[in-house]
Protein backbone atom coordinates (compact mmCIF):
# COMPACT_ATOMS: atom_id res chain seq x y z
CA MET A 1 68.57 143.60 120.62
CA ASP A 2 67.61 147.13 117.81
CA ARG A 3 68.41 146.65 114.23
CA SER A 4 71.65 149.28 114.21
CA HIS A 5 72.85 146.81 117.05
CA ALA A 6 72.30 143.37 115.05
CA ALA A 7 73.80 145.40 111.93
CA TRP A 8 76.99 145.47 112.99
CA THR A 9 76.69 142.17 115.34
CA LEU A 10 76.55 139.93 112.36
CA PRO A 11 79.47 141.15 110.30
CA LEU A 12 81.66 140.79 113.24
CA LEU A 13 80.84 137.49 114.59
CA ILE A 14 81.11 136.08 110.68
CA GLY A 15 84.09 137.69 111.05
CA VAL A 16 85.82 135.73 114.10
CA LEU A 17 83.92 132.99 113.76
CA LEU A 18 84.64 131.94 110.03
CA PRO A 19 88.14 131.92 110.29
CA LEU A 20 88.05 128.91 112.79
CA ALA A 21 85.52 126.89 110.97
CA VAL A 22 88.08 127.12 107.94
CA PRO A 23 90.76 124.28 107.88
CA ALA A 24 93.78 125.46 107.70
CA GLY A 25 96.96 123.80 106.44
CA ARG A 26 99.90 122.17 108.13
CA GLN A 27 103.73 122.16 108.08
CA MET A 28 104.71 118.81 107.57
CA PRO A 29 108.66 117.51 108.13
CA LYS A 30 110.80 117.83 105.11
CA LEU A 31 111.52 114.55 103.23
CA SER A 32 114.81 116.21 101.47
CA ASP A 33 116.50 119.58 101.70
CA ARG A 34 117.31 119.42 97.92
CA LYS A 35 115.40 117.56 94.77
CA MET A 36 117.30 117.23 91.38
CA CYS A 37 114.64 118.60 88.18
CA ALA A 38 114.36 119.14 84.79
CA ASP A 39 114.83 122.60 85.11
CA SER A 40 114.98 125.63 88.17
CA GLU A 41 110.77 125.01 88.90
CA CYS A 42 110.31 121.66 88.25
CA SER A 43 107.86 122.50 86.29
CA TYR A 44 109.16 119.93 83.19
CA PRO A 45 108.14 116.07 83.69
CA ILE A 46 111.61 114.11 84.03
CA LEU A 47 109.99 111.15 83.21
CA ILE A 48 106.62 108.78 83.38
CA ALA A 49 107.03 105.82 85.73
CA ARG A 50 104.22 102.88 86.07
CA ALA A 51 103.21 101.60 89.62
CA LEU A 52 104.31 98.35 90.39
CA GLN A 53 101.97 97.64 93.28
CA ASP A 54 99.73 99.63 94.78
CA TYR A 55 100.72 102.17 97.55
CA TYR A 56 98.91 103.96 100.22
CA PRO A 57 100.29 107.00 101.66
CA GLN A 58 101.60 107.51 105.40
CA ASP A 59 99.99 111.11 105.26
CA CYS A 60 99.13 114.15 103.42
CA ARG A 61 102.87 114.99 101.73
CA PHE A 62 102.48 111.80 99.80
CA MET A 63 99.62 110.55 97.39
CA SER A 64 98.41 107.21 96.87
CA ILE A 65 99.24 104.80 93.80
CA ARG A 66 97.42 101.95 91.90
CA GLN A 67 99.42 99.31 90.30
CA GLY A 68 99.85 99.74 86.60
CA GLN A 69 98.96 103.95 87.03
CA LEU A 70 101.12 106.07 85.12
CA ILE A 71 103.17 108.94 87.40
CA TYR A 72 104.39 111.82 85.54
CA VAL A 73 107.58 112.26 87.49
CA TYR A 74 108.84 115.67 87.96
CA ALA A 75 111.44 115.92 90.70
CA LEU A 76 113.80 113.33 92.63
CA LEU A 77 114.55 114.09 96.34
CA LYS A 78 118.07 114.05 96.81
CA ASP A 79 118.80 113.51 100.45
CA GLN A 80 117.41 110.26 101.08
CA GLY A 81 119.48 108.72 98.41
CA ASN A 82 116.62 109.25 95.74
CA LEU A 83 114.10 106.78 98.20
CA PHE A 84 111.26 109.40 96.95
CA TRP A 85 109.80 110.98 93.79
CA THR A 86 107.29 113.87 93.33
CA GLY A 87 104.90 113.40 90.10
CA THR A 88 101.30 113.50 89.27
CA VAL A 89 98.83 110.96 88.53
CA GLN A 90 95.43 110.60 86.74
CA GLY A 91 92.64 108.33 86.64
CA SER A 92 93.01 105.80 83.59
CA TYR A 93 91.02 107.96 81.03
CA TYR A 94 90.79 111.86 81.42
CA GLY A 95 88.58 113.48 83.72
CA GLU A 96 88.26 109.96 86.06
CA GLN A 97 89.56 111.61 88.79
CA GLU A 98 91.50 115.11 89.24
CA ALA A 99 95.34 114.99 88.62
CA ARG A 100 97.01 115.04 92.35
CA LEU A 101 100.50 115.87 93.01
CA GLY A 102 102.71 114.21 96.14
CA HIS A 103 105.59 112.19 96.81
CA PHE A 104 105.98 108.71 97.14
CA PRO A 105 108.82 105.94 97.44
CA SER A 106 111.11 105.47 94.31
CA SER A 107 110.98 101.36 95.43
CA VAL A 108 106.72 100.93 94.44
CA VAL A 109 107.41 102.07 90.32
CA GLU A 110 109.69 101.59 87.54
CA GLU A 111 110.55 103.83 84.82
CA ILE A 112 108.96 103.41 81.51
CA HIS A 113 110.09 106.67 79.33
CA ALA A 114 113.06 109.10 80.06
CA LEU A 115 111.73 112.59 79.54
CA MET A 116 114.73 115.38 80.07
CA PRO A 117 117.44 114.39 82.00
CA ALA A 118 117.06 115.80 85.94
CA VAL A 119 120.47 118.15 85.72
CA VAL A 120 119.31 121.11 87.69
CA GLU A 121 119.36 121.11 91.63
CA VAL A 122 116.80 122.90 93.43
CA GLU A 123 116.54 123.62 97.05
CA THR A 124 113.09 122.71 98.79
CA GLN A 125 110.72 125.19 99.96
CA LYS A 126 108.37 124.77 103.02
CA TRP A 127 105.25 124.53 100.15
CA ASP A 128 106.85 121.13 98.73
CA PHE A 129 105.93 119.38 102.28
CA TYR A 130 102.90 121.54 102.96
CA CYS A 131 99.49 120.04 103.69
CA PHE A 132 96.24 121.90 103.35
């Protein structure tokens, strides 16, 4: 193989094979069509909750929670009687682990501090239930 042939073959192979090697996300079934939030972007926490027990997620839409962990809740999924909430958790001290956003059952936490009322009803988007 001469050098001119090798010069265009390598970029072609990288362009074809690299996208196959990079894992793609996948769309998961929606848990709800609507959610209740403090604002239209669901960017402000509604409340702080504490985990009553460990929770191990069913799939990538959910996040794991350890007993005693604090969770900032940003949305209450509406269609299922508020069975699932959306929030973030972080380690017991800053920097232990990066913050994670995900869904969890409301039955595994207790509300310890209300922050803002969940008065804005927002339609869920496909990205709310997308796994990366």
